[in-house]
Amino acid sequence: MNRNKAVSDGAIVNSLHRTVRTRVAKYSYGVRSTMKFDPLNPEHAKRSHKCVAFMNGTRGLTGHFGMLLQKANPLIQLSGPI
């Protein structure tokens, strides 16, 4: 087989196999954390029983869910060689 033909065939195959697919997150992903307590925030005031004291004297509200990926958000995925 001619070397130039092999290179050009490989380039064509590479470009055909590289596709972009969109996926949608089935679930929300995140981490539980503690956020700074704000007594003027009505939502924080409702959950003041969940407050904890930090060593530096500030107060935090437990049970916060820090969102990393929200459900139903589209994700773009490249497949194949880059």
PDB file of N, CA and C in Angstrom:
ATOM      1  N   MET A   1       0.845  -1.182   0.000  1.00  0.00           N
ATOM      2  CA  MET A   1       0.000   0.000   0.000  1.00  0.00           C
ATOM      3  C   MET A   1       0.888   1.242   0.000  1.00  0.00           C
ATOM      4  N   ASN A   2       0.485   2.212  -0.744  1.00  0.00           N
ATOM      5  CA  ASN A   2       1.202   3.475  -0.828  1.00  0.00           C
ATOM      6  C   ASN A   2       1.122   4.200   0.518  1.00  0.00           C
ATOM      7  N   ARG A   3       2.272   4.713   1.003  1.00  0.00           N
ATOM      8  CA  ARG A   3       2.320   5.378   2.313  1.00  0.00           C
ATOM      9  C   ARG A   3       1.422   6.619   2.340  1.00  0.00           C
ATOM     10  N   ASN A   4       1.412   7.409   1.277  1.00  0.00           N
ATOM     11  CA  ASN A   4       0.577   8.611   1.229  1.00  0.00           C
ATOM     12  C   ASN A   4      -0.906   8.253   1.299  1.00  0.00           C
ATOM     13  N   LYS A   5      -1.272   7.162   0.633  1.00  0.00           N
ATOM     14  CA  LYS A   5      -2.669   6.728   0.664  1.00  0.00           C
ATOM     15  C   LYS A   5      -3.046   6.295   2.076  1.00  0.00           C
ATOM     16  N   ALA A   6      -2.151   5.610   2.772  1.00  0.00           N
ATOM     17  CA  ALA A   6      -2.425   5.161   4.137  1.00  0.00           C
ATOM     18  C   ALA A   6      -2.630   6.357   5.065  1.00  0.00           C
ATOM     19  N   VAL A   7      -1.826   7.389   4.900  1.00  0.00           N
ATOM     20  CA  VAL A   7      -1.954   8.597   5.731  1.00  0.00           C
ATOM     21  C   VAL A   7      -3.281   9.284   5.460  1.00  0.00           C
ATOM     22  N   SER A   8      -3.640   9.436   4.194  1.00  0.00           N
ATOM     23  CA  SER A   8      -4.899  10.113   3.873  1.00  0.00           C
ATOM     24  C   SER A   8      -6.099   9.282   4.326  1.00  0.00           C
ATOM     25  N   ASP A   9      -6.027   7.963   4.178  1.00  0.00           N
ATOM     26  CA  ASP A   9      -7.119   7.105   4.657  1.00  0.00           C
ATOM     27  C   ASP A   9      -7.262   7.213   6.173  1.00  0.00           C
ATOM     28  N   GLY A  10      -6.137   7.255   6.875  1.00  0.00           N
ATOM     29  CA  GLY A  10      -6.176   7.389   8.337  1.00  0.00           C
ATOM     30  C   GLY A  10      -6.794   8.706   8.762  1.00  0.00           C
ATOM     31  N   ALA A  11      -6.503   9.780   8.046  1.00  0.00           N
ATOM     32  CA  ALA A  11      -7.073  11.088   8.371  1.00  0.00           C
ATOM     33  C   ALA A  11      -8.581  11.083   8.170  1.00  0.00           C
ATOM     34  N   ILE A  12      -9.034  10.430   7.108  1.00  0.00           N
ATOM     35  CA  ILE A  12     -10.479  10.364   6.845  1.00  0.00           C
ATOM     36  C   ILE A  12     -11.177   9.541   7.921  1.00  0.00           C
ATOM     37  N   VAL A  13     -10.621   8.397   8.261  1.00  0.00           N
ATOM     38  CA  VAL A  13     -11.213   7.548   9.297  1.00  0.00           C
ATOM     39  C   VAL A  13     -11.248   8.289  10.623  1.00  0.00           C
ATOM     40  N   ASN A  14     -10.171   9.003  10.952  1.00  0.00           N
ATOM     41  CA  ASN A  14     -10.113   9.761  12.198  1.00  0.00           C
ATOM     42  C   ASN A  14     -11.213  10.824  12.260  1.00  0.00           C
ATOM     43  N   SER A  15     -11.423  11.532  11.165  1.00  0.00           N
ATOM     44  CA  SER A  15     -12.442  12.581  11.171  1.00  0.00           C
ATOM     45  C   SER A  15     -13.852  12.004  11.214  1.00  0.00           C
ATOM     46  N   LEU A  16     -14.049  10.835  10.658  1.00  0.00           N
ATOM     47  CA  LEU A  16     -15.372  10.206  10.691  1.00  0.00           C
ATOM     48  C   LEU A  16     -15.720   9.674  12.072  1.00  0.00           C
ATOM     49  N   HIS A  17     -14.714   9.229  12.814  1.00  0.00           N
ATOM     50  CA  HIS A  17     -14.971   8.640  14.130  1.00  0.00           C
ATOM     51  C   HIS A  17     -15.053   9.670  15.243  1.00  0.00           C
ATOM     52  N   ARG A  18     -14.699  10.895  14.941  1.00  0.00           N
ATOM     53  CA  ARG A  18     -14.775  11.939  15.968  1.00  0.00           C
ATOM     54  C   ARG A  18     -16.147  12.581  15.889  1.00  0.00           C
ATOM     55  N   THR A  19     -16.970  12.330  16.871  1.00  0.00           N
ATOM     56  CA  THR A  19     -18.337  12.838  16.884  1.00  0.00           C
ATOM     57  C   THR A  19     -18.594  13.597  18.175  1.00  0.00           C
ATOM     58  N   VAL A  20     -19.592  14.427  18.142  1.00  0.00           N
ATOM     59  CA  VAL A  20     -20.031  15.155  19.333  1.00  0.00           C
ATOM     60  C   VAL A  20     -21.412  14.648  19.687  1.00  0.00           C
ATOM     61  N   ARG A  21     -21.546  14.222  20.925  1.00  0.00           N
ATOM     62  CA  ARG A  21     -22.841  13.757  21.398  1.00  0.00           C
ATOM     63  C   ARG A  21     -23.263  14.630  22.571  1.00  0.00           C
ATOM     64  N   THR A  22     -24.543  14.821  22.702  1.00  0.00           N
ATOM     65  CA  THR A  22     -25.065  15.550  23.842  1.00  0.00           C
ATOM     66  C   THR A  22     -25.763  14.564  24.756  1.00  0.00           C
ATOM     67  N   ARG A  23     -25.418  14.629  26.019  1.00  0.00           N
ATOM     68  CA  ARG A  23     -26.064  13.790  27.020  1.00  0.00           C
ATOM     69  C   ARG A  23     -26.746  14.709  28.017  1.00  0.00           C
ATOM     70  N   VAL A  24     -27.762  14.195  28.671  1.00  0.00           N
ATOM     71  CA  VAL A  24     -28.510  14.970  29.655  1.00  0.00           C
ATOM     72  C   VAL A  24     -28.366  14.276  31.005  1.00  0.00           C
ATOM     73  N   ALA A  25     -28.050  15.056  32.032  1.00  0.00           N
ATOM     74  CA  ALA A  25     -27.874  14.503  33.375  1.00  0.00           C
ATOM     75  C   ALA A  25     -29.206  13.981  33.901  1.00  0.00           C
ATOM     76  N   LYS A  26     -29.207  12.744  34.350  1.00  0.00           N
ATOM     77  CA  LYS A  26     -30.420  12.118  34.881  1.00  0.00           C
ATOM     78  C   LYS A  26     -30.675  12.547  36.326  1.00  0.00           C
ATOM     79  N   TYR A  27     -29.615  12.853  37.049  1.00  0.00           N
ATOM     80  CA  TYR A  27     -29.708  13.248  38.449  1.00  0.00           C
ATOM     81  C   TYR A  27     -28.935  14.543  38.675  1.00  0.00           C
ATOM     82  N   SER A  28     -29.202  15.192  39.787  1.00  0.00           N
ATOM     83  CA  SER A  28     -28.389  16.325  40.220  1.00  0.00           C
ATOM     84  C   SER A  28     -27.248  15.782  41.074  1.00  0.00           C
ATOM     85  N   TYR A  29     -26.069  16.361  40.913  1.00  0.00           N
ATOM     86  CA  TYR A  29     -24.908  15.938  41.682  1.00  0.00           C
ATOM     87  C   TYR A  29     -24.354  17.131  42.441  1.00  0.00           C
ATOM     88  N   GLY A  30     -23.904  16.877  43.654  1.00  0.00           N
ATOM     89  CA  GLY A  30     -23.344  17.934  44.468  1.00  0.00           C
ATOM     90  C   GLY A  30     -22.774  17.386  45.755  1.00  0.00           C
ATOM     91  N   VAL A  31     -22.452  18.291  46.651  1.00  0.00           N
ATOM     92  CA  VAL A  31     -21.880  17.917  47.947  1.00  0.00           C
ATOM     93  C   VAL A  31     -22.615  18.655  49.057  1.00  0.00           C
ATOM     94  N   ARG A  32     -22.706  17.992  50.188  1.00  0.00           N
ATOM     95  CA  ARG A  32     -23.271  18.651  51.364  1.00  0.00           C
ATOM     96  C   ARG A  32     -22.192  19.533  51.977  1.00  0.00           C
ATOM     97  N   SER A  33     -22.605  20.714  52.395  1.00  0.00           N
ATOM     98  CA  SER A  33     -21.641  21.629  52.983  1.00  0.00           C
ATOM     99  C   SER A  33     -22.324  22.517  54.014  1.00  0.00           C
ATOM    100  N   THR A  34     -21.555  23.389  54.605  1.00  0.00           N
ATOM    101  CA  THR A  34     -22.057  24.359  55.573  1.00  0.00           C
ATOM    102  C   THR A  34     -21.823  25.744  55.004  1.00  0.00           C
ATOM    103  N   MET A  35     -22.852  26.591  55.071  1.00  0.00           N
ATOM    104  CA  MET A  35     -22.704  27.955  54.559  1.00  0.00           C
ATOM    105  C   MET A  35     -22.799  28.946  55.715  1.00  0.00           C
ATOM    106  N   LYS A  36     -22.282  30.136  55.500  1.00  0.00           N
ATOM    107  CA  LYS A  36     -22.296  31.174  56.529  1.00  0.00           C
ATOM    108  C   LYS A  36     -23.739  31.555  56.846  1.00  0.00           C
ATOM    109  N   PHE A  37     -24.051  31.607  58.122  1.00  0.00           N
ATOM    110  CA  PHE A  37     -25.404  31.931  58.583  1.00  0.00           C
ATOM    111  C   PHE A  37     -25.640  33.433  58.499  1.00  0.00           C
ATOM    112  N   ASP A  38     -26.752  33.824  57.880  1.00  0.00           N
ATOM    113  CA  ASP A  38     -27.151  35.223  57.769  1.00  0.00           C
ATOM    114  C   ASP A  38     -28.494  35.382  58.482  1.00  0.00           C
ATOM    115  N   PRO A  39     -28.528  35.951  59.689  1.00  0.00           N
ATOM    116  CA  PRO A  39     -29.774  36.059  60.442  1.00  0.00           C
ATOM    117  C   PRO A  39     -30.819  36.959  59.775  1.00  0.00           C
ATOM    118  N   LEU A  40     -30.411  37.811  58.830  1.00  0.00           N
ATOM    119  CA  LEU A  40     -31.356  38.681  58.138  1.00  0.00           C
ATOM    120  C   LEU A  40     -32.038  37.982  56.957  1.00  0.00           C
ATOM    121  N   ASN A  41     -31.516  36.848  56.563  1.00  0.00           N
ATOM    122  CA  ASN A  41     -32.102  36.068  55.479  1.00  0.00           C
ATOM    123  C   ASN A  41     -33.253  35.236  56.043  1.00  0.00           C
ATOM    124  N   PRO A  42     -34.496  35.420  55.557  1.00  0.00           N
ATOM    125  CA  PRO A  42     -35.642  34.680  56.106  1.00  0.00           C
ATOM    126  C   PRO A  42     -35.496  33.157  56.004  1.00  0.00           C
ATOM    127  N   GLU A  43     -34.867  32.682  54.924  1.00  0.00           N
ATOM    128  CA  GLU A  43     -34.669  31.225  54.776  1.00  0.00           C
ATOM    129  C   GLU A  43     -33.697  30.702  55.839  1.00  0.00           C
ATOM    130  N   HIS A  44     -32.687  31.478  56.159  1.00  0.00           N
ATOM    131  CA  HIS A  44     -31.736  31.080  57.200  1.00  0.00           C
ATOM    132  C   HIS A  44     -32.410  31.127  58.561  1.00  0.00           C
ATOM    133  N   ALA A  45     -33.222  32.156  58.787  1.00  0.00           N
ATOM    134  CA  ALA A  45     -33.897  32.294  60.079  1.00  0.00           C
ATOM    135  C   ALA A  45     -34.819  31.103  60.347  1.00  0.00           C
ATOM    136  N   LYS A  46     -35.462  30.578  59.310  1.00  0.00           N
ATOM    137  CA  LYS A  46     -36.330  29.402  59.469  1.00  0.00           C
ATOM    138  C   LYS A  46     -35.550  28.175  59.910  1.00  0.00           C
ATOM    139  N   ARG A  47     -34.286  28.108  59.508  1.00  0.00           N
ATOM    140  CA  ARG A  47     -33.469  26.928  59.829  1.00  0.00           C
ATOM    141  C   ARG A  47     -32.395  27.244  60.869  1.00  0.00           C
ATOM    142  N   SER A  48     -32.644  28.225  61.702  1.00  0.00           N
ATOM    143  CA  SER A  48     -31.639  28.622  62.693  1.00  0.00           C
ATOM    144  C   SER A  48     -31.317  27.498  63.676  1.00  0.00           C
ATOM    145  N   HIS A  49     -32.218  26.533  63.804  1.00  0.00           N
ATOM    146  CA  HIS A  49     -31.955  25.396  64.698  1.00  0.00           C
ATOM    147  C   HIS A  49     -30.844  24.493  64.142  1.00  0.00           C
ATOM    148  N   LYS A  50     -30.459  24.680  62.904  1.00  0.00           N
ATOM    149  CA  LYS A  50     -29.388  23.892  62.288  1.00  0.00           C
ATOM    150  C   LYS A  50     -28.044  24.621  62.311  1.00  0.00           C
ATOM    151  N   CYS A  51     -27.950  25.710  63.078  1.00  0.00           N
ATOM    152  CA  CYS A  51     -26.713  26.491  63.137  1.00  0.00           C
ATOM    153  C   CYS A  51     -25.655  25.791  63.973  1.00  0.00           C
ATOM    154  N   VAL A  52     -24.420  25.975  63.557  1.00  0.00           N
ATOM    155  CA  VAL A  52     -23.266  25.494  64.314  1.00  0.00           C
ATOM    156  C   VAL A  52     -22.308  26.671  64.495  1.00  0.00           C
ATOM    157  N   ALA A  53     -21.527  26.614  65.562  1.00  0.00           N
ATOM    158  CA  ALA A  53     -20.547  27.675  65.832  1.00  0.00           C
ATOM    159  C   ALA A  53     -19.174  27.200  65.369  1.00  0.00           C
ATOM    160  N   PHE A  54     -18.473  28.072  64.646  1.00  0.00           N
ATOM    161  CA  PHE A  54     -17.114  27.775  64.207  1.00  0.00           C
ATOM    162  C   PHE A  54     -16.119  28.298  65.220  1.00  0.00           C
ATOM    163  N   MET A  55     -14.897  27.808  65.145  1.00  0.00           N
ATOM    164  CA  MET A  55     -13.870  28.216  66.108  1.00  0.00           C
ATOM    165  C   MET A  55     -13.509  29.690  65.989  1.00  0.00           C
ATOM    166  N   ASN A  56     -13.728  30.297  64.808  1.00  0.00           N
ATOM    167  CA  ASN A  56     -13.390  31.706  64.639  1.00  0.00           C
ATOM    168  C   ASN A  56     -14.511  32.635  65.116  1.00  0.00           C
ATOM    169  N   GLY A  57     -15.570  32.070  65.683  1.00  0.00           N
ATOM    170  CA  GLY A  57     -16.652  32.871  66.248  1.00  0.00           C
ATOM    171  C   GLY A  57     -17.842  33.082  65.320  1.00  0.00           C
ATOM    172  N   THR A  58     -17.714  32.719  64.060  1.00  0.00           N
ATOM    173  CA  THR A  58     -18.846  32.863  63.137  1.00  0.00           C
ATOM    174  C   THR A  58     -19.776  31.664  63.264  1.00  0.00           C
ATOM    175  N   ARG A  59     -20.964  31.819  62.693  1.00  0.00           N
ATOM    176  CA  ARG A  59     -21.951  30.735  62.738  1.00  0.00           C
ATOM    177  C   ARG A  59     -22.206  30.239  61.315  1.00  0.00           C
ATOM    178  N   GLY A  60     -22.468  28.955  61.222  1.00  0.00           N
ATOM    179  CA  GLY A  60     -22.735  28.350  59.920  1.00  0.00           C
ATOM    180  C   GLY A  60     -24.035  27.578  59.944  1.00  0.00           C
ATOM    181  N   LEU A  61     -24.616  27.426  58.786  1.00  0.00           N
ATOM    182  CA  LEU A  61     -25.875  26.712  58.623  1.00  0.00           C
ATOM    183  C   LEU A  61     -25.582  25.395  57.918  1.00  0.00           C
ATOM    184  N   THR A  62     -25.890  24.279  58.576  1.00  0.00           N
ATOM    185  CA  THR A  62     -25.618  22.965  58.011  1.00  0.00           C
ATOM    186  C   THR A  62     -26.733  22.555  57.052  1.00  0.00           C
ATOM    187  N   GLY A  63     -26.463  21.531  56.274  1.00  0.00           N
ATOM    188  CA  GLY A  63     -27.471  20.987  55.376  1.00  0.00           C
ATOM    189  C   GLY A  63     -27.524  21.657  54.018  1.00  0.00           C
ATOM    190  N   HIS A  64     -26.540  22.480  53.681  1.00  0.00           N
ATOM    191  CA  HIS A  64     -26.502  23.135  52.377  1.00  0.00           C
ATOM    192  C   HIS A  64     -26.058  22.126  51.321  1.00  0.00           C
ATOM    193  N   PHE A  65     -26.700  22.142  50.154  1.00  0.00           N
ATOM    194  CA  PHE A  65     -26.325  21.261  49.047  1.00  0.00           C
ATOM    195  C   PHE A  65     -25.676  22.113  47.977  1.00  0.00           C
ATOM    196  N   GLY A  66     -24.373  21.965  47.824  1.00  0.00           N
ATOM    197  CA  GLY A  66     -23.631  22.698  46.803  1.00  0.00           C
ATOM    198  C   GLY A  66     -23.742  21.971  45.471  1.00  0.00           C
ATOM    199  N   MET A  67     -24.470  22.545  44.536  1.00  0.00           N
ATOM    200  CA  MET A  67     -24.744  21.913  43.244  1.00  0.00           C
ATOM    201  C   MET A  67     -23.512  21.919  42.343  1.00  0.00           C
ATOM    202  N   LEU A  68     -23.141  20.747  41.839  1.00  0.00           N
ATOM    203  CA  LEU A  68     -22.062  20.625  40.866  1.00  0.00           C
ATOM    204  C   LEU A  68     -22.618  20.454  39.459  1.00  0.00           C
ATOM    205  N   LEU A  69     -23.695  19.680  39.351  1.00  0.00           N
ATOM    206  CA  LEU A  69     -24.335  19.436  38.065  1.00  0.00           C
ATOM    207  C   LEU A  69     -25.830  19.287  38.310  1.00  0.00           C
ATOM    208  N   GLN A  70     -26.618  20.104  37.648  1.00  0.00           N
ATOM    209  CA  GLN A  70     -28.063  20.096  37.849  1.00  0.00           C
ATOM    210  C   GLN A  70     -28.738  19.107  36.897  1.00  0.00           C
ATOM    211  N   LYS A  71     -29.754  18.442  37.416  1.00  0.00           N
ATOM    212  CA  LYS A  71     -30.521  17.479  36.632  1.00  0.00           C
ATOM    213  C   LYS A  71     -31.042  18.138  35.350  1.00  0.00           C
ATOM    214  N   ALA A  72     -31.038  17.384  34.265  1.00  0.00           N
ATOM    215  CA  ALA A  72     -31.559  17.779  32.951  1.00  0.00           C
ATOM    216  C   ALA A  72     -30.675  18.794  32.228  1.00  0.00           C
ATOM    217  N   ASN A  73     -29.491  19.109  32.748  1.00  0.00           N
ATOM    218  CA  ASN A  73     -28.564  19.985  32.023  1.00  0.00           C
ATOM    219  C   ASN A  73     -27.860  19.190  30.935  1.00  0.00           C
ATOM    220  N   PRO A  74     -27.785  19.738  29.728  1.00  0.00           N
ATOM    221  CA  PRO A  74     -27.083  19.011  28.663  1.00  0.00           C
ATOM    222  C   PRO A  74     -25.575  19.057  28.853  1.00  0.00           C
ATOM    223  N   LEU A  75     -24.935  17.929  28.567  1.00  0.00           N
ATOM    224  CA  LEU A  75     -23.479  17.810  28.617  1.00  0.00           C
ATOM    225  C   LEU A  75     -22.993  17.487  27.224  1.00  0.00           C
ATOM    226  N   ILE A  76     -21.961  18.138  26.778  1.00  0.00           N
ATOM    227  CA  ILE A  76     -21.395  17.844  25.466  1.00  0.00           C
ATOM    228  C   ILE A  76     -20.203  16.916  25.668  1.00  0.00           C
ATOM    229  N   GLN A  77     -20.199  15.830  24.921  1.00  0.00           N
ATOM    230  CA  GLN A  77     -19.143  14.847  25.048  1.00  0.00           C
ATOM    231  C   GLN A  77     -18.506  14.632  23.686  1.00  0.00           C
ATOM    232  N   LEU A  78     -17.192  14.787  23.634  1.00  0.00           N
ATOM    233  CA  LEU A  78     -16.449  14.465  22.408  1.00  0.00           C
ATOM    234  C   LEU A  78     -16.043  13.014  22.481  1.00  0.00           C
ATOM    235  N   SER A  79     -16.214  12.310  21.420  1.00  0.00           N
ATOM    236  CA  SER A  79     -15.741  10.934  21.382  1.00  0.00           C
ATOM    237  C   SER A  79     -14.790  10.773  20.216  1.00  0.00           C
ATOM    238  N   GLY A  80     -13.906   9.832  20.348  1.00  0.00           N
ATOM    239  CA  GLY A  80     -12.933   9.583  19.310  1.00  0.00           C
ATOM    240  C   GLY A  80     -11.658  10.353  19.570  1.00  0.00           C
ATOM    241  N   PRO A  81     -10.650  10.128  18.749  1.00  0.00           N
ATOM    242  CA  PRO A  81      -9.361  10.797  18.932  1.00  0.00           C
ATOM    243  C   PRO A  81      -9.441  12.295  18.695  1.00  0.00           C
ATOM    244  N   ILE A  82      -8.626  13.028  19.401  1.00  0.00           N
ATOM    245  CA  ILE A  82      -8.597  14.476  19.247  1.00  0.00           C
ATOM    246  C   ILE A  82      -7.394  14.871  18.439  1.00  0.00           C
TER     247      ILE A  82
END
